[in-house]
Structure formats: C-alpha cells, structure tokens
Amino acid sequence: MGSEHLGKLLSKGKRPGGEKVYVVFDNQLPAALKRLQFDKQLSMENVRTLITEADGYQPHLITPEQGYRRLIESTLITIKSPAEAVIDAVHSILKNLVRKSIKETTELKQYPSLKVEVMSAACESLDRMRIESKRATLQLVDMESNYLTVDFFRKLPQDVEKGRNPTHSIFDRYNEAYLRRVGAIVLSYVHMVVGTLRHSIPKSVVYCQVREAKRSLFNRFFTELGAKEVNLCFVYVK
C-alpha cells in the first residue's frame, strides 16, 4: 500500500520528493564544494610546513612525495563536511516523504497504534540507511585522499633539473617560486578529484539511501512488525 505511494513521491519530477533530492545534488552540493577554501589549505606557509615536515632532517632529492601526499590529504579531507551535509539533507527529505506516505495511506487511518509502529519502524530503517550511506560516501573521500596514482608522480616536474646540483641549499630549494609550483600542482589535482566526487557522492547517496527507501523500505519494516507481532502473540499465549 504505502510502498507504491512512496515510490511515486520519490519518482523523478514528482514533488516534493525526487525534485528536492535532485536540488540537493545539483545545487546544495556544488555550492558547498565551491565554498571550500582550498587556497587557504594550500597557502605558501602551509605548503612549506607540510613539505619540510615530510622531509624531516633529510631534504628530498627528486620530488617531495610525502609532502604531496600530506598536502592532498589535508585538502581533500575538507570535502567530508559537504558530503555529510548531503547525506543528512537527503535523510530529512526521505523522512518527510515517509511521514507523508503513511499519513496518506487510507488503510492505516483505521489503526492508530499500527500507524505509530509503522512510523517508528520506518524511521529506524531510514536511520540505518543514513549510517550506511555515511560510511560508504566518506569512504570515497578517504580513498581519493589516501591513494595517488603512479601516473600522478610520473607527471610531476622533477626537482633535479639538468645541470643543477641536487644537494643545493635547502633554503634555496624551498623558495617562493618552488612552493608556488607545488601548491599549483596540488590545487590542479584537487580540482580534478572534486570533479569526480561531485558525481560519485550523489551516486553513493542514491544507492545507499534513495534506492533502498524506494525499493525495500516498507518490506523491511513490515518484516520487523511481523516479528514483533509473533513475539507479542507468544507472550500472550504463555
């Protein structure tokens, strides 16, 4: 009964469900990503600090691999906040849709107690979907933050240039032009990853939350309610 109604509310173009979810993906997420201040994360002072800390007492001879890794990880980790906001926004939309679906289900109006149980079970299911969505979605961000391809390092300009002494003074090697170059390379990579996550985050949310709500939410809590009913009957018999 209610599952068909919920499916219609979630369908594309049907207000207020599908349209609101797409607004979150098409407006809220891109706007939140644009507000992230990557330039501050990649300020010259921060770049110098992370690269020198990664080098330790022995300056790098080729490329500051660990420095690049730390810069990229510390910058991309800021995407977690917009990702969580998207998950919570979709969760709120789904909860409102379920309330609307249950409220408009004629059969449930005759059974107030059952209506309360259905609402409670539905909310529990949606909460589980949010937890799973958060785990899967934030894992995407972690994967992008912690894994850099070999091609990324192959394309990096080498610090040891032709005719240049690789043991040059560390102070010269960490000059302003060098740090700006490192920051620009990292920023370019970060923008590329943000473009990827701009599409993969909604896919993860749809897979873990929207799809599950549309396809199996009511089946799941009907099963839970059935189990409760069996337990109650067993208690009454005893």
C-alpha atoms as a PDB file:
ATOM      1  CA  MET A   1       0.000   0.000   0.000  1.00  0.00           C
ATOM      2  CA  GLY A   2       2.320   2.750   1.258  1.00  0.00           C
ATOM      3  CA  SER A   3       5.312   1.442  -0.706  1.00  0.00           C
ATOM      4  CA  GLU A   4       3.638   2.319  -4.012  1.00  0.00           C
ATOM      5  CA  HIS A   5       2.803   5.785  -2.734  1.00  0.00           C
ATOM      6  CA  LEU A   6       6.358   6.321  -1.502  1.00  0.00           C
ATOM      7  CA  GLY A   7       7.715   5.166  -4.864  1.00  0.00           C
ATOM      8  CA  LYS A   8       5.583   7.739  -6.658  1.00  0.00           C
ATOM      9  CA  LEU A   9       6.739  10.501  -4.298  1.00  0.00           C
ATOM     10  CA  LEU A  10      10.364   9.578  -4.979  1.00  0.00           C
ATOM     11  CA  SER A  11       9.949   9.412  -8.750  1.00  0.00           C
ATOM     12  CA  LYS A  12      11.725  11.985 -10.851  1.00  0.00           C
ATOM     13  CA  GLY A  13       9.722  15.132 -11.340  1.00  0.00           C
ATOM     14  CA  LYS A  14       7.243  14.353  -8.588  1.00  0.00           C
ATOM     15  CA  ARG A  15       7.053  16.990  -5.900  1.00  0.00           C
ATOM     16  CA  PRO A  16       8.181  17.186  -3.193  1.00  0.00           C
ATOM     17  CA  GLY A  17      10.409  14.095  -3.249  1.00  0.00           C
ATOM     18  CA  GLY A  18      12.533  13.411  -6.291  1.00  0.00           C
ATOM     19  CA  GLU A  19      12.802  17.078  -7.184  1.00  0.00           C
ATOM     20  CA  LYS A  20      14.083  18.002  -3.716  1.00  0.00           C
ATOM     21  CA  VAL A  21      16.688  15.251  -3.819  1.00  0.00           C
ATOM     22  CA  TYR A  22      17.941  16.470  -7.181  1.00  0.00           C
ATOM     23  CA  VAL A  23      18.105  20.030  -5.849  1.00  0.00           C
ATOM     24  CA  VAL A  24      20.430  18.771  -3.103  1.00  0.00           C
ATOM     25  CA  PHE A  25      22.682  17.122  -5.701  1.00  0.00           C
ATOM     26  CA  ASP A  26      22.564  19.854  -8.341  1.00  0.00           C
ATOM     27  CA  ASN A  27      22.576  22.956  -6.133  1.00  0.00           C
ATOM     28  CA  GLN A  28      23.486  22.306  -2.498  1.00  0.00           C
ATOM     29  CA  LEU A  29      26.485  20.028  -3.098  1.00  0.00           C
ATOM     30  CA  PRO A  30      28.168  22.083  -5.866  1.00  0.00           C
ATOM     31  CA  ALA A  31      27.639  25.299  -3.872  1.00  0.00           C
ATOM     32  CA  ALA A  32      29.152  23.732  -0.748  1.00  0.00           C
ATOM     33  CA  LEU A  33      32.165  22.445  -2.713  1.00  0.00           C
ATOM     34  CA  LYS A  34      32.737  25.899  -4.190  1.00  0.00           C
ATOM     35  CA  ARG A  35      32.766  27.421  -0.701  1.00  0.00           C
ATOM     36  CA  LEU A  36      35.662  25.207   0.361  1.00  0.00           C
ATOM     37  CA  GLN A  37      38.725  27.419   0.583  1.00  0.00           C
ATOM     38  CA  PHE A  38      41.384  25.231  -0.978  1.00  0.00           C
ATOM     39  CA  ASP A  39      43.634  28.260  -1.435  1.00  0.00           C
ATOM     40  CA  LYS A  40      43.925  28.617   2.341  1.00  0.00           C
ATOM     41  CA  GLN A  41      44.793  24.953   2.696  1.00  0.00           C
ATOM     42  CA  LEU A  42      47.478  25.460   0.052  1.00  0.00           C
ATOM     43  CA  SER A  43      48.884  28.754   1.272  1.00  0.00           C
ATOM     44  CA  MET A  44      52.630  29.146   0.872  1.00  0.00           C
ATOM     45  CA  GLU A  45      53.126  28.848   4.623  1.00  0.00           C
ATOM     46  CA  ASN A  46      51.112  25.616   4.819  1.00  0.00           C
ATOM     47  CA  VAL A  47      52.863  24.136   1.777  1.00  0.00           C
ATOM     48  CA  ARG A  48      56.282  24.944   3.248  1.00  0.00           C
ATOM     49  CA  THR A  49      55.315  23.490   6.640  1.00  0.00           C
ATOM     50  CA  LEU A  50      53.942  20.190   5.327  1.00  0.00           C
ATOM     51  CA  ILE A  51      56.767  19.613   2.855  1.00  0.00           C
ATOM     52  CA  THR A  52      59.553  20.371   5.323  1.00  0.00           C
ATOM     53  CA  GLU A  53      57.857  18.235   7.992  1.00  0.00           C
ATOM     54  CA  ALA A  54      57.521  15.378   5.497  1.00  0.00           C
ATOM     55  CA  ASP A  55      61.181  15.724   4.530  1.00  0.00           C
ATOM     56  CA  GLY A  56      62.349  15.662   8.126  1.00  0.00           C
ATOM     57  CA  TYR A  57      66.071  16.213   8.588  1.00  0.00           C
ATOM     58  CA  GLN A  58      66.926  14.998   5.066  1.00  0.00           C
ATOM     59  CA  PRO A  59      65.582  17.085   2.144  1.00  0.00           C
ATOM     60  CA  HIS A  60      64.068  15.211  -0.793  1.00  0.00           C
ATOM     61  CA  LEU A  61      66.279  14.742  -3.847  1.00  0.00           C
ATOM     62  CA  ILE A  62      63.676  14.121  -6.563  1.00  0.00           C
ATOM     63  CA  THR A  63      60.090  15.092  -5.642  1.00  0.00           C
ATOM     64  CA  PRO A  64      58.600  15.640  -2.178  1.00  0.00           C
ATOM     65  CA  GLU A  65      56.347  12.569  -2.421  1.00  0.00           C
ATOM     66  CA  GLN A  66      55.291  12.541   1.224  1.00  0.00           C
ATOM     67  CA  GLY A  67      54.792  16.284   1.111  1.00  0.00           C
ATOM     68  CA  TYR A  68      52.437  15.992  -1.851  1.00  0.00           C
ATOM     69  CA  ARG A  69      50.549  13.197  -0.105  1.00  0.00           C
ATOM     70  CA  ARG A  70      50.066  15.227   3.061  1.00  0.00           C
ATOM     71  CA  LEU A  71      49.004  18.339   1.178  1.00  0.00           C
ATOM     72  CA  ILE A  72      46.442  16.460  -0.900  1.00  0.00           C
ATOM     73  CA  GLU A  73      45.077  14.527   2.075  1.00  0.00           C
ATOM     74  CA  SER A  74      44.740  17.613   4.288  1.00  0.00           C
ATOM     75  CA  THR A  75      42.965  19.479   1.461  1.00  0.00           C
ATOM     76  CA  LEU A  76      40.590  16.751   0.290  1.00  0.00           C
ATOM     77  CA  ILE A  77      39.567  15.839   3.830  1.00  0.00           C
ATOM     78  CA  THR A  78      37.568  19.096   3.925  1.00  0.00           C
ATOM     79  CA  ILE A  79      35.123  17.573   1.405  1.00  0.00           C
ATOM     80  CA  LYS A  80      33.772  15.313   4.157  1.00  0.00           C
ATOM     81  CA  SER A  81      31.688  18.131   5.636  1.00  0.00           C
ATOM     82  CA  PRO A  82      29.686  18.877   2.423  1.00  0.00           C
ATOM     83  CA  ALA A  83      29.313  15.129   1.836  1.00  0.00           C
ATOM     84  CA  GLU A  84      27.812  14.611   5.297  1.00  0.00           C
ATOM     85  CA  ALA A  85      25.511  17.591   4.766  1.00  0.00           C
ATOM     86  CA  VAL A  86      24.169  15.992   1.565  1.00  0.00           C
ATOM     87  CA  ILE A  87      23.554  12.693   3.377  1.00  0.00           C
ATOM     88  CA  ASP A  88      21.663  14.448   6.181  1.00  0.00           C
ATOM     89  CA  ALA A  89      19.642  16.572   3.744  1.00  0.00           C
ATOM     90  CA  VAL A  90      18.508  13.513   1.774  1.00  0.00           C
ATOM     91  CA  HIS A  91      17.742  11.705   5.035  1.00  0.00           C
ATOM     92  CA  SER A  92      15.483  14.579   6.091  1.00  0.00           C
ATOM     93  CA  ILE A  93      13.701  14.542   2.718  1.00  0.00           C
ATOM     94  CA  LEU A  94      13.120  10.778   2.928  1.00  0.00           C
ATOM     95  CA  LYS A  95      11.770  11.031   6.465  1.00  0.00           C
ATOM     96  CA  ASN A  96       9.298  13.709   5.418  1.00  0.00           C
ATOM     97  CA  LEU A  97       8.240  11.577   2.447  1.00  0.00           C
ATOM     98  CA  VAL A  98       7.651   8.554   4.652  1.00  0.00           C
ATOM     99  CA  ARG A  99       5.550  10.640   7.058  1.00  0.00           C
ATOM    100  CA  LYS A 100       3.539  11.938   4.110  1.00  0.00           C
ATOM    101  CA  SER A 101       3.149   8.447   2.652  1.00  0.00           C
ATOM    102  CA  ILE A 102       1.980   6.952   5.951  1.00  0.00           C
ATOM    103  CA  LYS A 103      -0.350   9.860   6.606  1.00  0.00           C
ATOM    104  CA  GLU A 104      -1.986   9.486   3.185  1.00  0.00           C
ATOM    105  CA  THR A 105      -2.311   5.691   3.374  1.00  0.00           C
ATOM    106  CA  THR A 106      -6.024   5.137   3.879  1.00  0.00           C
ATOM    107  CA  GLU A 107      -5.731   1.674   5.449  1.00  0.00           C
ATOM    108  CA  LEU A 108      -3.539   2.955   8.286  1.00  0.00           C
ATOM    109  CA  LYS A 109      -6.008   5.659   9.324  1.00  0.00           C
ATOM    110  CA  GLN A 110      -8.219   2.979  10.851  1.00  0.00           C
ATOM    111  CA  TYR A 111      -5.415   1.623  13.051  1.00  0.00           C
ATOM    112  CA  PRO A 112      -3.680   4.425  15.020  1.00  0.00           C
ATOM    113  CA  SER A 113      -1.457   2.057  17.018  1.00  0.00           C
ATOM    114  CA  LEU A 114      -0.274   0.286  13.881  1.00  0.00           C
ATOM    115  CA  LYS A 115       0.343   3.649  12.254  1.00  0.00           C
ATOM    116  CA  VAL A 116       2.664   4.631  15.116  1.00  0.00           C
ATOM    117  CA  GLU A 117       4.519   1.309  14.880  1.00  0.00           C
ATOM    118  CA  VAL A 118       4.928   1.660  11.129  1.00  0.00           C
ATOM    119  CA  MET A 119       6.300   5.178  11.516  1.00  0.00           C
ATOM    120  CA  SER A 120       8.726   4.060  14.204  1.00  0.00           C
ATOM    121  CA  ALA A 121       9.968   1.100  12.156  1.00  0.00           C
ATOM    122  CA  ALA A 122      10.316   3.285   9.049  1.00  0.00           C
ATOM    123  CA  CYS A 123      12.415   5.847  10.907  1.00  0.00           C
ATOM    124  CA  GLU A 124      14.667   3.109  12.274  1.00  0.00           C
ATOM    125  CA  SER A 125      15.182   1.799   8.741  1.00  0.00           C
ATOM    126  CA  LEU A 126      15.968   5.273   7.405  1.00  0.00           C
ATOM    127  CA  ASP A 127      18.454   5.827  10.219  1.00  0.00           C
ATOM    128  CA  ARG A 128      20.253   2.619   9.265  1.00  0.00           C
ATOM    129  CA  MET A 129      20.321   3.739   5.636  1.00  0.00           C
ATOM    130  CA  ARG A 130      21.883   7.055   6.673  1.00  0.00           C
ATOM    131  CA  ILE A 131      24.607   5.266   8.646  1.00  0.00           C
ATOM    132  CA  GLU A 132      25.407   3.005   5.690  1.00  0.00           C
ATOM    133  CA  SER A 133      25.349   5.943   3.291  1.00  0.00           C
ATOM    134  CA  LYS A 134      27.713   7.941   5.508  1.00  0.00           C
ATOM    135  CA  ARG A 135      30.115   5.009   5.773  1.00  0.00           C
ATOM    136  CA  ALA A 136      30.180   4.374   2.017  1.00  0.00           C
ATOM    137  CA  THR A 137      30.277   8.030   0.960  1.00  0.00           C
ATOM    138  CA  LEU A 138      33.005   9.126   3.359  1.00  0.00           C
ATOM    139  CA  GLN A 139      34.988   6.092   2.317  1.00  0.00           C
ATOM    140  CA  LEU A 140      35.004   7.504  -1.220  1.00  0.00           C
ATOM    141  CA  VAL A 141      36.567  10.705   0.092  1.00  0.00           C
ATOM    142  CA  ASP A 142      39.112   8.730   2.112  1.00  0.00           C
ATOM    143  CA  MET A 143      40.088   6.677  -0.937  1.00  0.00           C
ATOM    144  CA  GLU A 144      40.671   9.804  -3.009  1.00  0.00           C
ATOM    145  CA  SER A 145      42.601  11.414  -0.134  1.00  0.00           C
ATOM    146  CA  ASN A 146      44.878   8.489   0.596  1.00  0.00           C
ATOM    147  CA  TYR A 147      45.600   6.974  -2.817  1.00  0.00           C
ATOM    148  CA  LEU A 148      47.564   8.775  -5.506  1.00  0.00           C
ATOM    149  CA  THR A 149      48.218   7.023  -8.794  1.00  0.00           C
ATOM    150  CA  VAL A 150      51.689   6.308 -10.115  1.00  0.00           C
ATOM    151  CA  ASP A 151      50.860   8.496 -13.121  1.00  0.00           C
ATOM    152  CA  PHE A 152      50.428  11.468 -10.791  1.00  0.00           C
ATOM    153  CA  PHE A 153      54.022  11.191  -9.620  1.00  0.00           C
ATOM    154  CA  ARG A 154      55.329  10.405 -13.101  1.00  0.00           C
ATOM    155  CA  LYS A 155      53.913  13.673 -14.387  1.00  0.00           C
ATOM    156  CA  LEU A 156      55.407  15.762 -11.590  1.00  0.00           C
ATOM    157  CA  PRO A 157      58.258  18.078 -12.597  1.00  0.00           C
ATOM    158  CA  GLN A 158      61.477  16.797 -11.034  1.00  0.00           C
ATOM    159  CA  ASP A 159      63.426  18.972  -8.623  1.00  0.00           C
ATOM    160  CA  VAL A 160      66.708  17.768 -10.034  1.00  0.00           C
ATOM    161  CA  GLU A 161      66.975  19.699 -13.281  1.00  0.00           C
ATOM    162  CA  LYS A 162      69.637  19.279 -15.925  1.00  0.00           C
ATOM    163  CA  GLY A 163      72.889  20.879 -14.820  1.00  0.00           C
ATOM    164  CA  ARG A 164      71.574  21.569 -11.316  1.00  0.00           C
ATOM    165  CA  ASN A 165      73.207  20.345  -8.144  1.00  0.00           C
ATOM    166  CA  PRO A 166      70.711  18.124  -6.243  1.00  0.00           C
ATOM    167  CA  THR A 167      72.455  18.982  -2.959  1.00  0.00           C
ATOM    168  CA  HIS A 168      71.711  22.684  -3.376  1.00  0.00           C
ATOM    169  CA  SER A 169      70.929  24.608  -0.192  1.00  0.00           C
ATOM    170  CA  ILE A 170      67.599  23.600   1.371  1.00  0.00           C
ATOM    171  CA  PHE A 171      66.728  27.259   1.814  1.00  0.00           C
ATOM    172  CA  ASP A 172      67.047  27.866  -1.934  1.00  0.00           C
ATOM    173  CA  ARG A 173      65.107  24.735  -2.749  1.00  0.00           C
ATOM    174  CA  TYR A 174      62.166  25.901  -0.620  1.00  0.00           C
ATOM    175  CA  ASN A 175      61.979  29.354  -2.182  1.00  0.00           C
ATOM    176  CA  GLU A 176      58.730  31.106  -3.073  1.00  0.00           C
ATOM    177  CA  ALA A 177      58.667  30.050  -6.732  1.00  0.00           C
ATOM    178  CA  TYR A 178      59.171  26.413  -5.801  1.00  0.00           C
ATOM    179  CA  LEU A 179      56.439  26.436  -3.152  1.00  0.00           C
ATOM    180  CA  ARG A 180      54.013  28.140  -5.528  1.00  0.00           C
ATOM    181  CA  ARG A 181      54.694  25.461  -8.110  1.00  0.00           C
ATOM    182  CA  VAL A 182      53.973  22.691  -5.605  1.00  0.00           C
ATOM    183  CA  GLY A 183      50.765  24.442  -4.465  1.00  0.00           C
ATOM    184  CA  ALA A 184      49.588  24.869  -8.073  1.00  0.00           C
ATOM    185  CA  ILE A 185      50.182  21.187  -8.855  1.00  0.00           C
ATOM    186  CA  VAL A 186      48.260  20.069  -5.766  1.00  0.00           C
ATOM    187  CA  LEU A 187      45.413  22.510  -6.437  1.00  0.00           C
ATOM    188  CA  SER A 188      45.064  21.228 -10.005  1.00  0.00           C
ATOM    189  CA  TYR A 189      44.865  17.653  -8.741  1.00  0.00           C
ATOM    190  CA  VAL A 190      42.377  18.592  -6.013  1.00  0.00           C
ATOM    191  CA  HIS A 191      40.060  20.264  -8.547  1.00  0.00           C
ATOM    192  CA  MET A 192      40.174  17.111 -10.676  1.00  0.00           C
ATOM    193  CA  VAL A 193      39.232  14.938  -7.673  1.00  0.00           C
ATOM    194  CA  VAL A 194      36.459  17.341  -6.632  1.00  0.00           C
ATOM    195  CA  GLY A 195      35.004  16.976 -10.131  1.00  0.00           C
ATOM    196  CA  THR A 196      34.971  13.212  -9.678  1.00  0.00           C
ATOM    197  CA  LEU A 197      33.424  13.354  -6.188  1.00  0.00           C
ATOM    198  CA  ARG A 198      30.842  15.858  -7.432  1.00  0.00           C
ATOM    199  CA  HIS A 199      29.310  12.907  -9.308  1.00  0.00           C
ATOM    200  CA  SER A 200      30.275   9.924  -7.143  1.00  0.00           C
ATOM    201  CA  ILE A 201      28.868  11.346  -3.887  1.00  0.00           C
ATOM    202  CA  PRO A 202      25.297  11.577  -5.287  1.00  0.00           C
ATOM    203  CA  LYS A 203      25.671   8.069  -6.741  1.00  0.00           C
ATOM    204  CA  SER A 204      26.628   6.723  -3.322  1.00  0.00           C
ATOM    205  CA  VAL A 205      23.752   8.523  -1.597  1.00  0.00           C
ATOM    206  CA  VAL A 206      21.219   7.309  -4.172  1.00  0.00           C
ATOM    207  CA  TYR A 207      22.492   3.748  -3.914  1.00  0.00           C
ATOM    208  CA  CYS A 208      22.533   3.606  -0.109  1.00  0.00           C
ATOM    209  CA  GLN A 209      19.528   5.795   0.749  1.00  0.00           C
ATOM    210  CA  VAL A 210      17.149   6.739  -2.062  1.00  0.00           C
ATOM    211  CA  ARG A 211      17.189   3.385  -3.836  1.00  0.00           C
ATOM    212  CA  GLU A 212      16.733   1.460  -0.604  1.00  0.00           C
ATOM    213  CA  ALA A 213      13.906   3.726   0.525  1.00  0.00           C
ATOM    214  CA  LYS A 214      12.131   3.304  -2.788  1.00  0.00           C
ATOM    215  CA  ARG A 215      12.641  -0.444  -3.212  1.00  0.00           C
ATOM    216  CA  SER A 216      12.791  -2.095   0.166  1.00  0.00           C
ATOM    217  CA  LEU A 217      11.926   0.285   2.991  1.00  0.00           C
ATOM    218  CA  PHE A 218       8.361  -0.897   3.520  1.00  0.00           C
ATOM    219  CA  ASN A 219       9.272  -4.543   3.044  1.00  0.00           C
ATOM    220  CA  ARG A 220      11.946  -4.170   5.692  1.00  0.00           C
ATOM    221  CA  PHE A 221       9.774  -2.681   8.383  1.00  0.00           C
ATOM    222  CA  PHE A 222       6.817  -4.914   7.541  1.00  0.00           C
ATOM    223  CA  THR A 223       9.145  -7.804   8.348  1.00  0.00           C
ATOM    224  CA  GLU A 224      10.125  -6.105  11.612  1.00  0.00           C
ATOM    225  CA  LEU A 225       6.500  -5.507  12.539  1.00  0.00           C
ATOM    226  CA  GLY A 226       5.667  -9.099  11.705  1.00  0.00           C
ATOM    227  CA  ALA A 227       8.387 -10.288  14.056  1.00  0.00           C
ATOM    228  CA  LYS A 228       7.034  -8.048  16.803  1.00  0.00           C
ATOM    229  CA  GLU A 229       3.543  -9.432  16.249  1.00  0.00           C
ATOM    230  CA  VAL A 230       4.791 -13.014  16.548  1.00  0.00           C
ATOM    231  CA  ASN A 231       6.634 -12.182  19.765  1.00  0.00           C
ATOM    232  CA  LEU A 232       3.580 -10.492  21.231  1.00  0.00           C
ATOM    233  CA  CYS A 233       1.383 -13.478  20.364  1.00  0.00           C
ATOM    234  CA  PHE A 234       3.904 -15.785  22.003  1.00  0.00           C
ATOM    235  CA  VAL A 235       3.806 -13.671  25.158  1.00  0.00           C
ATOM    236  CA  TYR A 236       0.012 -13.670  25.233  1.00  0.00           C
ATOM    237  CA  VAL A 237      -0.133 -17.444  24.801  1.00  0.00           C
ATOM    238  CA  LYS A 238       2.270 -18.011  27.671  1.00  0.00           C
END
